[in-house]
């Protein structure tokens, strides 16, 4: 609740989180590597605007963090435009493939038809 009140858009924790039901009820995006019933020991005040390593991934100030039910990715600030452009191309290609399947083709037929177009 404290993070939400401070305007923090979401939280990524390289560790476990508790009170998951309450967090979900608030519709607050929080991502963790696990769930625990117990509170951990405080590790200090933390840092702001410093480079960190979270789950083996380097995260720098200004990087974009995107997460959903499938996981979290870090988009380096200096590559944001390139990655966004690539994501739109992949989305466009996948939309065409999904449409072929929706029309009755099987996945193997679609792959053979489209040869998984290189984007």
PDB file of N, CA and C in Angstrom:
ATOM      1  N   UNK A   1       0.826  -1.185   0.000  1.00  0.00           N
ATOM      2  CA  UNK A   1       0.000   0.000   0.000  1.00  0.00           C
ATOM      3  C   UNK A   1       0.872   1.251   0.000  1.00  0.00           C
ATOM      4  N   UNK A   2       1.965   1.189   0.723  1.00  0.00           N
ATOM      5  CA  UNK A   2       2.887   2.320   0.819  1.00  0.00           C
ATOM      6  C   UNK A   2       3.410   2.723  -0.559  1.00  0.00           C
ATOM      7  N   UNK A   3       3.816   1.736  -1.369  1.00  0.00           N
ATOM      8  CA  UNK A   3       4.335   2.028  -2.716  1.00  0.00           C
ATOM      9  C   UNK A   3       3.263   2.680  -3.573  1.00  0.00           C
ATOM     10  N   UNK A   4       2.068   2.142  -3.516  1.00  0.00           N
ATOM     11  CA  UNK A   4       0.965   2.676  -4.315  1.00  0.00           C
ATOM     12  C   UNK A   4       0.674   4.122  -3.926  1.00  0.00           C
ATOM     13  N   UNK A   5       0.679   4.407  -2.646  1.00  0.00           N
ATOM     14  CA  UNK A   5       0.407   5.763  -2.161  1.00  0.00           C
ATOM     15  C   UNK A   5       1.501   6.742  -2.583  1.00  0.00           C
ATOM     16  N   UNK A   6       2.715   6.239  -2.797  1.00  0.00           N
ATOM     17  CA  UNK A   6       3.835   7.092  -3.210  1.00  0.00           C
ATOM     18  C   UNK A   6       3.905   7.265  -4.725  1.00  0.00           C
ATOM     19  N   UNK A   7       2.961   6.645  -5.447  1.00  0.00           N
ATOM     20  CA  UNK A   7       2.933   6.790  -6.897  1.00  0.00           C
ATOM     21  C   UNK A   7       3.842   5.827  -7.636  1.00  0.00           C
ATOM     22  N   UNK A   8       4.355   4.816  -6.950  1.00  0.00           N
ATOM     23  CA  UNK A   8       5.206   3.813  -7.594  1.00  0.00           C
ATOM     24  C   UNK A   8       4.296   2.886  -8.395  1.00  0.00           C
ATOM     25  N   UNK A   9       4.570   2.738  -9.686  1.00  0.00           N
ATOM     26  CA  UNK A   9       3.682   2.034 -10.609  1.00  0.00           C
ATOM     27  C   UNK A   9       3.607   0.531 -10.392  1.00  0.00           C
ATOM     28  N   UNK A  10       4.630  -0.059  -9.829  1.00  0.00           N
ATOM     29  CA  UNK A  10       4.667  -1.497  -9.602  1.00  0.00           C
ATOM     30  C   UNK A  10       5.974  -1.855  -8.933  1.00  0.00           C
ATOM     31  N   UNK A  11       6.083  -3.120  -8.515  1.00  0.00           N
ATOM     32  CA  UNK A  11       7.276  -3.568  -7.799  1.00  0.00           C
ATOM     33  C   UNK A  11       7.742  -4.902  -8.370  1.00  0.00           C
ATOM     34  N   UNK A  12       9.058  -5.032  -8.546  1.00  0.00           N
ATOM     35  CA  UNK A  12       9.690  -6.296  -8.921  1.00  0.00           C
ATOM     36  C   UNK A  12      10.623  -6.655  -7.777  1.00  0.00           C
ATOM     37  N   UNK A  13      10.454  -7.862  -7.233  1.00  0.00           N
ATOM     38  CA  UNK A  13      11.249  -8.302  -6.088  1.00  0.00           C
ATOM     39  C   UNK A  13      12.034  -9.546  -6.474  1.00  0.00           C
ATOM     40  N   UNK A  14      13.336  -9.512  -6.273  1.00  0.00           N
ATOM     41  CA  UNK A  14      14.187 -10.685  -6.506  1.00  0.00           C
ATOM     42  C   UNK A  14      14.179 -11.495  -5.214  1.00  0.00           C
ATOM     43  N   UNK A  15      13.027 -12.022  -4.887  1.00  0.00           N
ATOM     44  CA  UNK A  15      12.804 -12.751  -3.645  1.00  0.00           C
ATOM     45  C   UNK A  15      11.317 -12.986  -3.487  1.00  0.00           C
ATOM     46  N   UNK A  16      10.919 -13.382  -2.289  1.00  0.00           N
ATOM     47  CA  UNK A  16       9.523 -13.734  -2.041  1.00  0.00           C
ATOM     48  C   UNK A  16       8.714 -12.542  -1.538  1.00  0.00           C
ATOM     49  N   UNK A  17       7.409 -12.632  -1.725  1.00  0.00           N
ATOM     50  CA  UNK A  17       6.466 -11.614  -1.270  1.00  0.00           C
ATOM     51  C   UNK A  17       5.384 -12.311  -0.440  1.00  0.00           C
ATOM     52  N   UNK A  18       4.778 -11.565   0.471  1.00  0.00           N
ATOM     53  CA  UNK A  18       3.670 -12.124   1.251  1.00  0.00           C
ATOM     54  C   UNK A  18       2.426 -11.258   1.059  1.00  0.00           C
ATOM     55  N   UNK A  19       1.335 -11.644   1.678  1.00  0.00           N
ATOM     56  CA  UNK A  19       0.065 -10.904   1.596  1.00  0.00           C
ATOM     57  C   UNK A  19      -0.420 -10.759   0.153  1.00  0.00           C
ATOM     58  N   UNK A  20      -0.266 -11.817  -0.616  1.00  0.00           N
ATOM     59  CA  UNK A  20      -0.601 -11.789  -2.041  1.00  0.00           C
ATOM     60  C   UNK A  20      -2.084 -11.486  -2.278  1.00  0.00           C
ATOM     61  N   UNK A  21      -2.975 -12.058  -1.469  1.00  0.00           N
ATOM     62  CA  UNK A  21      -4.408 -11.805  -1.654  1.00  0.00           C
ATOM     63  C   UNK A  21      -4.732 -10.321  -1.528  1.00  0.00           C
ATOM     64  N   UNK A  22      -4.148  -9.675  -0.528  1.00  0.00           N
ATOM     65  CA  UNK A  22      -4.398  -8.250  -0.318  1.00  0.00           C
ATOM     66  C   UNK A  22      -3.826  -7.411  -1.466  1.00  0.00           C
ATOM     67  N   UNK A  23      -2.656  -7.791  -1.933  1.00  0.00           N
ATOM     68  CA  UNK A  23      -2.023  -7.063  -3.040  1.00  0.00           C
ATOM     69  C   UNK A  23      -2.869  -7.195  -4.305  1.00  0.00           C
ATOM     70  N   UNK A  24      -3.341  -8.406  -4.586  1.00  0.00           N
ATOM     71  CA  UNK A  24      -4.188  -8.613  -5.771  1.00  0.00           C
ATOM     72  C   UNK A  24      -5.493  -7.826  -5.663  1.00  0.00           C
ATOM     73  N   UNK A  25      -6.070  -7.775  -4.457  1.00  0.00           N
ATOM     74  CA  UNK A  25      -7.317  -7.025  -4.254  1.00  0.00           C
ATOM     75  C   UNK A  25      -7.120  -5.539  -4.558  1.00  0.00           C
ATOM     76  N   UNK A  26      -5.916  -5.030  -4.321  1.00  0.00           N
ATOM     77  CA  UNK A  26      -5.609  -3.625  -4.622  1.00  0.00           C
ATOM     78  C   UNK A  26      -5.336  -3.413  -6.110  1.00  0.00           C
ATOM     79  N   UNK A  27      -5.220  -4.526  -6.861  1.00  0.00           N
ATOM     80  CA  UNK A  27      -4.870  -4.474  -8.287  1.00  0.00           C
ATOM     81  C   UNK A  27      -3.538  -3.756  -8.496  1.00  0.00           C
ATOM     82  N   UNK A  28      -2.606  -4.067  -7.617  1.00  0.00           N
ATOM     83  CA  UNK A  28      -1.280  -3.453  -7.687  1.00  0.00           C
ATOM     84  C   UNK A  28      -0.318  -4.447  -8.319  1.00  0.00           C
ATOM     85  N   UNK A  29       0.395  -4.050  -9.388  1.00  0.00           N
ATOM     86  CA  UNK A  29       1.313  -4.985 -10.043  1.00  0.00           C
ATOM     87  C   UNK A  29       2.569  -5.231  -9.208  1.00  0.00           C
ATOM     88  N   UNK A  30       2.726  -6.471  -8.785  1.00  0.00           N
ATOM     89  CA  UNK A  30       3.920  -6.866  -8.041  1.00  0.00           C
ATOM     90  C   UNK A  30       4.385  -8.205  -8.597  1.00  0.00           C
ATOM     91  N   UNK A  31       5.669  -8.307  -8.834  1.00  0.00           N
ATOM     92  CA  UNK A  31       6.259  -9.515  -9.406  1.00  0.00           C
ATOM     93  C   UNK A  31       7.361  -9.977  -8.471  1.00  0.00           C
ATOM     94  N   UNK A  32       7.383 -11.279  -8.186  1.00  0.00           N
ATOM     95  CA  UNK A  32       8.395 -11.813  -7.278  1.00  0.00           C
ATOM     96  C   UNK A  32       8.794 -13.203  -7.737  1.00  0.00           C
ATOM     97  N   UNK A  33       9.870 -13.707  -7.155  1.00  0.00           N
ATOM     98  CA  UNK A  33      10.320 -15.054  -7.509  1.00  0.00           C
ATOM     99  C   UNK A  33       9.671 -16.108  -6.624  1.00  0.00           C
ATOM    100  N   UNK A  34       8.810 -15.688  -5.703  1.00  0.00           N
ATOM    101  CA  UNK A  34       8.139 -16.653  -4.845  1.00  0.00           C
ATOM    102  C   UNK A  34       7.152 -15.983  -3.905  1.00  0.00           C
ATOM    103  N   UNK A  35       6.483 -16.818  -3.125  1.00  0.00           N
ATOM    104  CA  UNK A  35       5.516 -16.354  -2.129  1.00  0.00           C
ATOM    105  C   UNK A  35       5.892 -16.981  -0.799  1.00  0.00           C
ATOM    106  N   UNK A  36       5.750 -16.221   0.274  1.00  0.00           N
ATOM    107  CA  UNK A  36       6.065 -16.717   1.612  1.00  0.00           C
ATOM    108  C   UNK A  36       5.018 -16.216   2.603  1.00  0.00           C
ATOM    109  N   UNK A  37       4.763 -16.979   3.662  1.00  0.00           N
ATOM    110  CA  UNK A  37       3.817 -16.508   4.673  1.00  0.00           C
ATOM    111  C   UNK A  37       4.465 -15.583   5.700  1.00  0.00           C
ATOM    112  N   UNK A  38       5.777 -15.521   5.718  1.00  0.00           N
ATOM    113  CA  UNK A  38       6.492 -14.763   6.751  1.00  0.00           C
ATOM    114  C   UNK A  38       7.166 -13.522   6.188  1.00  0.00           C
ATOM    115  N   UNK A  39       7.263 -12.511   7.037  1.00  0.00           N
ATOM    116  CA  UNK A  39       8.007 -11.307   6.666  1.00  0.00           C
ATOM    117  C   UNK A  39       9.496 -11.581   6.825  1.00  0.00           C
ATOM    118  N   UNK A  40      10.284 -11.050   5.927  1.00  0.00           N
ATOM    119  CA  UNK A  40      11.733 -11.193   6.031  1.00  0.00           C
ATOM    120  C   UNK A  40      12.322 -10.114   6.913  1.00  0.00           C
ATOM    121  N   UNK A  41      13.589 -10.250   7.196  1.00  0.00           N
ATOM    122  CA  UNK A  41      14.291  -9.226   7.970  1.00  0.00           C
ATOM    123  C   UNK A  41      14.582  -8.033   7.073  1.00  0.00           C
ATOM    124  N   UNK A  42      14.412  -6.819   7.583  1.00  0.00           N
ATOM    125  CA  UNK A  42      14.740  -5.630   6.783  1.00  0.00           C
ATOM    126  C   UNK A  42      16.208  -5.660   6.364  1.00  0.00           C
ATOM    127  N   UNK A  43      16.458  -5.277   5.120  1.00  0.00           N
ATOM    128  CA  UNK A  43      17.823  -5.290   4.579  1.00  0.00           C
ATOM    129  C   UNK A  43      18.386  -3.887   4.428  1.00  0.00           C
ATOM    130  N   UNK A  44      17.750  -2.913   5.035  1.00  0.00           N
ATOM    131  CA  UNK A  44      18.226  -1.539   4.914  1.00  0.00           C
ATOM    132  C   UNK A  44      17.236  -0.696   4.145  1.00  0.00           C
ATOM    133  N   UNK A  45      17.608   0.514   3.878  1.00  0.00           N
ATOM    134  CA  UNK A  45      16.713   1.473   3.232  1.00  0.00           C
ATOM    135  C   UNK A  45      16.660   1.315   1.713  1.00  0.00           C
ATOM    136  N   UNK A  46      17.597   0.600   1.134  1.00  0.00           N
ATOM    137  CA  UNK A  46      17.610   0.461  -0.315  1.00  0.00           C
ATOM    138  C   UNK A  46      18.268   1.651  -0.982  1.00  0.00           C
ATOM    139  N   UNK A  47      18.196   1.681  -2.307  1.00  0.00           N
ATOM    140  CA  UNK A  47      18.811   2.752  -3.084  1.00  0.00           C
ATOM    141  C   UNK A  47      17.849   3.207  -4.163  1.00  0.00           C
ATOM    142  N   UNK A  48      18.039   4.416  -4.608  1.00  0.00           N
ATOM    143  CA  UNK A  48      17.229   4.969  -5.693  1.00  0.00           C
ATOM    144  C   UNK A  48      18.173   5.402  -6.805  1.00  0.00           C
ATOM    145  N   UNK A  49      17.766   5.109  -8.055  1.00  0.00           N
ATOM    146  CA  UNK A  49      18.546   5.484  -9.241  1.00  0.00           C
ATOM    147  C   UNK A  49      19.953   4.905  -9.236  1.00  0.00           C
ATOM    148  N   UNK A  50      20.048   3.625  -8.909  1.00  0.00           N
ATOM    149  CA  UNK A  50      21.342   2.954  -8.992  1.00  0.00           C
ATOM    150  C   UNK A  50      21.173   1.671  -9.798  1.00  0.00           C
ATOM    151  N   UNK A  51      22.247   1.221 -10.410  1.00  0.00           N
ATOM    152  CA  UNK A  51      22.228  -0.016 -11.177  1.00  0.00           C
ATOM    153  C   UNK A  51      22.078  -1.187 -10.217  1.00  0.00           C
ATOM    154  N   UNK A  52      21.216  -2.152 -10.589  1.00  0.00           N
ATOM    155  CA  UNK A  52      21.029  -3.342  -9.759  1.00  0.00           C
ATOM    156  C   UNK A  52      21.099  -4.595 -10.619  1.00  0.00           C
ATOM    157  N   UNK A  53      21.191  -5.728  -9.958  1.00  0.00           N
ATOM    158  CA  UNK A  53      21.105  -7.027 -10.601  1.00  0.00           C
ATOM    159  C   UNK A  53      19.901  -7.720  -9.987  1.00  0.00           C
ATOM    160  N   UNK A  54      18.899  -7.992 -10.799  1.00  0.00           N
ATOM    161  CA  UNK A  54      17.680  -8.648 -10.323  1.00  0.00           C
ATOM    162  C   UNK A  54      17.500  -9.937 -11.112  1.00  0.00           C
ATOM    163  N   UNK A  55      17.588 -11.061 -10.422  1.00  0.00           N
ATOM    164  CA  UNK A  55      17.443 -12.375 -11.057  1.00  0.00           C
ATOM    165  C   UNK A  55      18.434 -12.554 -12.208  1.00  0.00           C
ATOM    166  N   UNK A  56      19.635 -12.016 -12.043  1.00  0.00           N
ATOM    167  CA  UNK A  56      20.671 -12.162 -13.057  1.00  0.00           C
ATOM    168  C   UNK A  56      20.600 -11.146 -14.186  1.00  0.00           C
ATOM    169  N   UNK A  57      19.644 -10.244 -14.133  1.00  0.00           N
ATOM    170  CA  UNK A  57      19.467  -9.231 -15.175  1.00  0.00           C
ATOM    171  C   UNK A  57      19.899  -7.870 -14.643  1.00  0.00           C
ATOM    172  N   UNK A  58      20.778  -7.198 -15.374  1.00  0.00           N
ATOM    173  CA  UNK A  58      21.200  -5.851 -14.982  1.00  0.00           C
ATOM    174  C   UNK A  58      20.074  -4.869 -15.316  1.00  0.00           C
ATOM    175  N   UNK A  59      19.735  -4.029 -14.358  1.00  0.00           N
ATOM    176  CA  UNK A  59      18.715  -2.994 -14.542  1.00  0.00           C
ATOM    177  C   UNK A  59      19.354  -1.661 -14.182  1.00  0.00           C
ATOM    178  N   UNK A  60      19.306  -0.722 -15.129  1.00  0.00           N
ATOM    179  CA  UNK A  60      19.916   0.596 -14.926  1.00  0.00           C
ATOM    180  C   UNK A  60      18.822   1.655 -14.803  1.00  0.00           C
ATOM    181  N   UNK A  61      19.125   2.757 -14.137  1.00  0.00           N
ATOM    182  CA  UNK A  61      18.150   3.849 -14.077  1.00  0.00           C
ATOM    183  C   UNK A  61      17.729   4.260 -15.489  1.00  0.00           C
ATOM    184  N   UNK A  62      16.437   4.418 -15.693  1.00  0.00           N
ATOM    185  CA  UNK A  62      15.915   4.803 -17.001  1.00  0.00           C
ATOM    186  C   UNK A  62      15.469   3.636 -17.856  1.00  0.00           C
ATOM    187  N   UNK A  63      15.860   2.398 -17.501  1.00  0.00           N
ATOM    188  CA  UNK A  63      15.401   1.230 -18.247  1.00  0.00           C
ATOM    189  C   UNK A  63      13.897   1.070 -18.053  1.00  0.00           C
ATOM    190  N   UNK A  64      13.264   0.417 -19.007  1.00  0.00           N
ATOM    191  CA  UNK A  64      11.832   0.150 -18.930  1.00  0.00           C
ATOM    192  C   UNK A  64      11.634  -1.268 -18.416  1.00  0.00           C
ATOM    193  N   UNK A  65      10.674  -1.437 -17.528  1.00  0.00           N
ATOM    194  CA  UNK A  65      10.324  -2.747 -16.991  1.00  0.00           C
ATOM    195  C   UNK A  65       8.905  -3.040 -17.453  1.00  0.00           C
ATOM    196  N   UNK A  66       8.707  -4.180 -18.114  1.00  0.00           N
ATOM    197  CA  UNK A  66       7.389  -4.563 -18.605  1.00  0.00           C
ATOM    198  C   UNK A  66       7.072  -5.940 -18.045  1.00  0.00           C
ATOM    199  N   UNK A  67       5.909  -6.072 -17.428  1.00  0.00           N
ATOM    200  CA  UNK A  67       5.551  -7.352 -16.838  1.00  0.00           C
ATOM    201  C   UNK A  67       4.089  -7.684 -17.027  1.00  0.00           C
ATOM    202  N   UNK A  68       3.815  -8.985 -17.074  1.00  0.00           N
ATOM    203  CA  UNK A  68       2.444  -9.475 -17.082  1.00  0.00           C
ATOM    204  C   UNK A  68       2.442 -10.824 -16.377  1.00  0.00           C
ATOM    205  N   UNK A  69       1.362 -11.575 -16.508  1.00  0.00           N
ATOM    206  CA  UNK A  69       1.251 -12.856 -15.812  1.00  0.00           C
ATOM    207  C   UNK A  69       2.322 -13.863 -16.238  1.00  0.00           C
ATOM    208  N   UNK A  70       2.938 -13.642 -17.392  1.00  0.00           N
ATOM    209  CA  UNK A  70       3.949 -14.577 -17.895  1.00  0.00           C
ATOM    210  C   UNK A  70       5.363 -14.251 -17.436  1.00  0.00           C
ATOM    211  N   UNK A  71       5.581 -13.054 -16.924  1.00  0.00           N
ATOM    212  CA  UNK A  71       6.914 -12.702 -16.466  1.00  0.00           C
ATOM    213  C   UNK A  71       7.229 -11.234 -16.654  1.00  0.00           C
ATOM    214  N   UNK A  72       8.494 -10.909 -16.455  1.00  0.00           N
ATOM    215  CA  UNK A  72       8.970  -9.529 -16.494  1.00  0.00           C
ATOM    216  C   UNK A  72      10.192  -9.456 -17.401  1.00  0.00           C
ATOM    217  N   UNK A  73      10.275  -8.400 -18.195  1.00  0.00           N
ATOM    218  CA  UNK A  73      11.465  -8.171 -19.017  1.00  0.00           C
ATOM    219  C   UNK A  73      11.988  -6.764 -18.770  1.00  0.00           C
ATOM    220  N   UNK A  74      13.277  -6.610 -18.962  1.00  0.00           N
ATOM    221  CA  UNK A  74      13.926  -5.305 -18.858  1.00  0.00           C
ATOM    222  C   UNK A  74      14.242  -4.843 -20.275  1.00  0.00           C
ATOM    223  N   UNK A  75      13.834  -3.628 -20.594  1.00  0.00           N
ATOM    224  CA  UNK A  75      14.146  -3.041 -21.893  1.00  0.00           C
ATOM    225  C   UNK A  75      15.132  -1.905 -21.645  1.00  0.00           C
ATOM    226  N   UNK A  76      16.399  -2.111 -22.039  1.00  0.00           N
ATOM    227  CA  UNK A  76      17.387  -1.049 -21.833  1.00  0.00           C
ATOM    228  C   UNK A  76      16.946   0.241 -22.526  1.00  0.00           C
ATOM    229  N   UNK A  77      17.089   1.329 -21.830  1.00  0.00           N
ATOM    230  CA  UNK A  77      16.660   2.637 -22.339  1.00  0.00           C
ATOM    231  C   UNK A  77      17.215   2.910 -23.733  1.00  0.00           C
ATOM    232  N   UNK A  78      18.488   2.597 -23.938  1.00  0.00           N
ATOM    233  CA  UNK A  78      19.125   2.914 -25.217  1.00  0.00           C
ATOM    234  C   UNK A  78      18.628   2.028 -26.363  1.00  0.00           C
ATOM    235  N   UNK A  79      17.909   0.934 -26.053  1.00  0.00           N
ATOM    236  CA  UNK A  79      17.398   0.045 -27.103  1.00  0.00           C
ATOM    237  C   UNK A  79      15.874   0.063 -27.186  1.00  0.00           C
ATOM    238  N   UNK A  80      15.229   0.951 -26.445  1.00  0.00           N
ATOM    239  CA  UNK A  80      13.764   0.957 -26.343  1.00  0.00           C
ATOM    240  C   UNK A  80      13.084   1.098 -27.707  1.00  0.00           C
ATOM    241  N   UNK A  81      13.535   2.030 -28.530  1.00  0.00           N
ATOM    242  CA  UNK A  81      12.900   2.230 -29.835  1.00  0.00           C
ATOM    243  C   UNK A  81      13.040   0.975 -30.699  1.00  0.00           C
ATOM    244  N   UNK A  82      14.252   0.443 -30.762  1.00  0.00           N
ATOM    245  CA  UNK A  82      14.517  -0.758 -31.567  1.00  0.00           C
ATOM    246  C   UNK A  82      13.650  -1.930 -31.102  1.00  0.00           C
ATOM    247  N   UNK A  83      13.563  -2.138 -29.806  1.00  0.00           N
ATOM    248  CA  UNK A  83      12.786  -3.257 -29.265  1.00  0.00           C
ATOM    249  C   UNK A  83      11.297  -3.044 -29.496  1.00  0.00           C
ATOM    250  N   UNK A  84      10.814  -1.822 -29.343  1.00  0.00           N
ATOM    251  CA  UNK A  84       9.398  -1.534 -29.597  1.00  0.00           C
ATOM    252  C   UNK A  84       9.056  -1.789 -31.064  1.00  0.00           C
ATOM    253  N   UNK A  85       9.935  -1.362 -31.965  1.00  0.00           N
ATOM    254  CA  UNK A  85       9.719  -1.588 -33.402  1.00  0.00           C
ATOM    255  C   UNK A  85       9.670  -3.079 -33.707  1.00  0.00           C
ATOM    256  N   UNK A  86      10.607  -3.808 -33.148  1.00  0.00           N
ATOM    257  CA  UNK A  86      10.666  -5.265 -33.361  1.00  0.00           C
ATOM    258  C   UNK A  86       9.426  -5.953 -32.793  1.00  0.00           C
ATOM    259  N   UNK A  87       8.989  -5.530 -31.630  1.00  0.00           N
ATOM    260  CA  UNK A  87       7.800  -6.122 -31.003  1.00  0.00           C
ATOM    261  C   UNK A  87       6.565  -5.907 -31.875  1.00  0.00           C
ATOM    262  N   UNK A  88       6.446  -4.731 -32.483  1.00  0.00           N
ATOM    263  CA  UNK A  88       5.308  -4.465 -33.376  1.00  0.00           C
ATOM    264  C   UNK A  88       5.365  -5.364 -34.607  1.00  0.00           C
ATOM    265  N   UNK A  89       6.556  -5.600 -35.133  1.00  0.00           N
ATOM    266  CA  UNK A  89       6.699  -6.485 -36.293  1.00  0.00           C
ATOM    267  C   UNK A  89       6.310  -7.915 -35.930  1.00  0.00           C
ATOM    268  N   UNK A  90       6.761  -8.380 -34.772  1.00  0.00           N
ATOM    269  CA  UNK A  90       6.417  -9.735 -34.314  1.00  0.00           C
ATOM    270  C   UNK A  90       4.906  -9.835 -34.104  1.00  0.00           C
ATOM    271  N   UNK A  91       4.325  -8.820 -33.491  1.00  0.00           N
ATOM    272  CA  UNK A  91       2.877  -8.812 -33.251  1.00  0.00           C
ATOM    273  C   UNK A  91       2.109  -8.905 -34.572  1.00  0.00           C
ATOM    274  N   UNK A  92       2.554  -8.169 -35.562  1.00  0.00           N
ATOM    275  CA  UNK A  92       1.910  -8.174 -36.882  1.00  0.00           C
ATOM    276  C   UNK A  92       1.997  -9.566 -37.520  1.00  0.00           C
ATOM    277  N   UNK A  93       3.171 -10.172 -37.469  1.00  0.00           N
ATOM    278  CA  UNK A  93       3.361 -11.506 -38.029  1.00  0.00           C
ATOM    279  C   UNK A  93       2.507 -12.528 -37.293  1.00  0.00           C
ATOM    280  N   UNK A  94       2.523 -12.474 -35.968  1.00  0.00           N
ATOM    281  CA  UNK A  94       1.734 -13.426 -35.184  1.00  0.00           C
ATOM    282  C   UNK A  94       0.243 -13.246 -35.426  1.00  0.00           C
ATOM    283  N   UNK A  95      -0.205 -12.032 -35.637  1.00  0.00           N
ATOM    284  CA  UNK A  95      -1.625 -11.787 -35.930  1.00  0.00           C
ATOM    285  C   UNK A  95      -2.030 -12.495 -37.219  1.00  0.00           C
ATOM    286  N   UNK A  96      -1.159 -12.441 -38.222  1.00  0.00           N
ATOM    287  CA  UNK A  96      -1.450 -13.140 -39.483  1.00  0.00           C
ATOM    288  C   UNK A  96      -1.498 -14.650 -39.261  1.00  0.00           C
ATOM    289  N   UNK A  97      -0.569 -15.166 -38.458  1.00  0.00           N
ATOM    290  CA  UNK A  97      -0.557 -16.602 -38.188  1.00  0.00           C
ATOM    291  C   UNK A  97      -1.804 -17.019 -37.419  1.00  0.00           C
ATOM    292  N   UNK A  98      -2.186 -16.247 -36.405  1.00  0.00           N
ATOM    293  CA  UNK A  98      -3.393 -16.553 -35.623  1.00  0.00           C
ATOM    294  C   UNK A  98      -4.638 -16.528 -36.505  1.00  0.00           C
ATOM    295  N   UNK A  99      -4.683 -15.586 -37.442  1.00  0.00           N
ATOM    296  CA  UNK A  99      -5.834 -15.483 -38.340  1.00  0.00           C
ATOM    297  C   UNK A  99      -5.945 -16.730 -39.213  1.00  0.00           C
ATOM    298  N   UNK A 100      -4.824 -17.227 -39.709  1.00  0.00           N
ATOM    299  CA  UNK A 100      -4.836 -18.467 -40.504  1.00  0.00           C
ATOM    300  C   UNK A 100      -5.373 -19.633 -39.672  1.00  0.00           C
ATOM    301  N   UNK A 101      -4.952 -19.714 -38.424  1.00  0.00           N
ATOM    302  CA  UNK A 101      -5.429 -20.786 -37.539  1.00  0.00           C
ATOM    303  C   UNK A 101      -6.918 -20.603 -37.256  1.00  0.00           C
ATOM    304  N   UNK A 102      -7.341 -19.374 -37.009  1.00  0.00           N
ATOM    305  CA  UNK A 102      -8.755 -19.095 -36.751  1.00  0.00           C
ATOM    306  C   UNK A 102      -9.623 -19.521 -37.939  1.00  0.00           C
ATOM    307  N   UNK A 103      -9.079 -19.398 -39.126  1.00  0.00           N
ATOM    308  CA  UNK A 103      -9.821 -19.777 -40.336  1.00  0.00           C
ATOM    309  C   UNK A 103      -9.821 -21.283 -40.576  1.00  0.00           C
ATOM    310  N   UNK A 104      -9.147 -22.042 -39.711  1.00  0.00           N
ATOM    311  CA  UNK A 104      -9.218 -23.496 -39.823  1.00  0.00           C
ATOM    312  C   UNK A 104      -7.912 -24.208 -40.110  1.00  0.00           C
ATOM    313  N   UNK A 105      -6.861 -23.493 -40.375  1.00  0.00           N
ATOM    314  CA  UNK A 105      -5.567 -24.142 -40.615  1.00  0.00           C
ATOM    315  C   UNK A 105      -5.002 -24.665 -39.300  1.00  0.00           C
ATOM    316  N   UNK A 106      -4.168 -25.664 -39.395  1.00  0.00           N
ATOM    317  CA  UNK A 106      -3.460 -26.148 -38.209  1.00  0.00           C
ATOM    318  C   UNK A 106      -2.155 -25.363 -38.076  1.00  0.00           C
ATOM    319  N   UNK A 107      -1.568 -25.449 -36.906  1.00  0.00           N
ATOM    320  CA  UNK A 107      -0.305 -24.751 -36.694  1.00  0.00           C
ATOM    321  C   UNK A 107       0.749 -25.240 -37.680  1.00  0.00           C
ATOM    322  N   UNK A 108       0.813 -26.554 -37.902  1.00  0.00           N
ATOM    323  CA  UNK A 108       1.826 -27.068 -38.832  1.00  0.00           C
ATOM    324  C   UNK A 108       1.578 -26.571 -40.254  1.00  0.00           C
ATOM    325  N   UNK A 109       0.308 -26.442 -40.650  1.00  0.00           N
ATOM    326  CA  UNK A 109       0.010 -25.897 -41.976  1.00  0.00           C
ATOM    327  C   UNK A 109       0.441 -24.431 -42.070  1.00  0.00           C
ATOM    328  N   UNK A 110       0.167 -23.693 -41.022  1.00  0.00           N
ATOM    329  CA  UNK A 110       0.514 -22.269 -41.024  1.00  0.00           C
ATOM    330  C   UNK A 110       2.022 -22.091 -41.095  1.00  0.00           C
ATOM    331  N   UNK A 111       2.740 -22.884 -40.338  1.00  0.00           N
ATOM    332  CA  UNK A 111       4.200 -22.786 -40.361  1.00  0.00           C
ATOM    333  C   UNK A 111       4.718 -23.072 -41.764  1.00  0.00           C
ATOM    334  N   UNK A 112       4.176 -24.101 -42.381  1.00  0.00           N
ATOM    335  CA  UNK A 112       4.603 -24.451 -43.734  1.00  0.00           C
ATOM    336  C   UNK A 112       4.206 -23.351 -44.723  1.00  0.00           C
ATOM    337  N   UNK A 113       3.005 -22.793 -44.557  1.00  0.00           N
ATOM    338  CA  UNK A 113       2.546 -21.732 -45.455  1.00  0.00           C
ATOM    339  C   UNK A 113       3.376 -20.469 -45.315  1.00  0.00           C
ATOM    340  N   UNK A 114       3.611 -20.076 -44.085  1.00  0.00           N
ATOM    341  CA  UNK A 114       4.258 -18.791 -43.837  1.00  0.00           C
ATOM    342  C   UNK A 114       5.763 -18.903 -43.631  1.00  0.00           C
ATOM    343  N   UNK A 115       6.245 -20.118 -43.412  1.00  0.00           N
ATOM    344  CA  UNK A 115       7.679 -20.341 -43.177  1.00  0.00           C
ATOM    345  C   UNK A 115       8.189 -19.468 -42.025  1.00  0.00           C
ATOM    346  N   UNK A 116       7.309 -19.133 -41.109  1.00  0.00           N
ATOM    347  CA  UNK A 116       7.654 -18.257 -39.975  1.00  0.00           C
ATOM    348  C   UNK A 116       8.456 -17.067 -40.475  1.00  0.00           C
ATOM    349  N   UNK A 117       7.789 -16.276 -41.240  1.00  0.00           N
ATOM    350  CA  UNK A 117       8.408 -15.110 -41.859  1.00  0.00           C
ATOM    351  C   UNK A 117       9.415 -14.441 -40.940  1.00  0.00           C
ATOM    352  N   UNK A 118      10.574 -14.180 -41.490  1.00  0.00           N
ATOM    353  CA  UNK A 118      11.604 -13.488 -40.708  1.00  0.00           C
ATOM    354  C   UNK A 118      11.240 -12.013 -40.630  1.00  0.00           C
ATOM    355  N   UNK A 119      11.282 -11.521 -39.417  1.00  0.00           N
ATOM    356  CA  UNK A 119      10.920 -10.116 -39.195  1.00  0.00           C
ATOM    357  C   UNK A 119      12.160  -9.337 -38.885  1.00  0.00           C
TER     358      UNK A 119
END
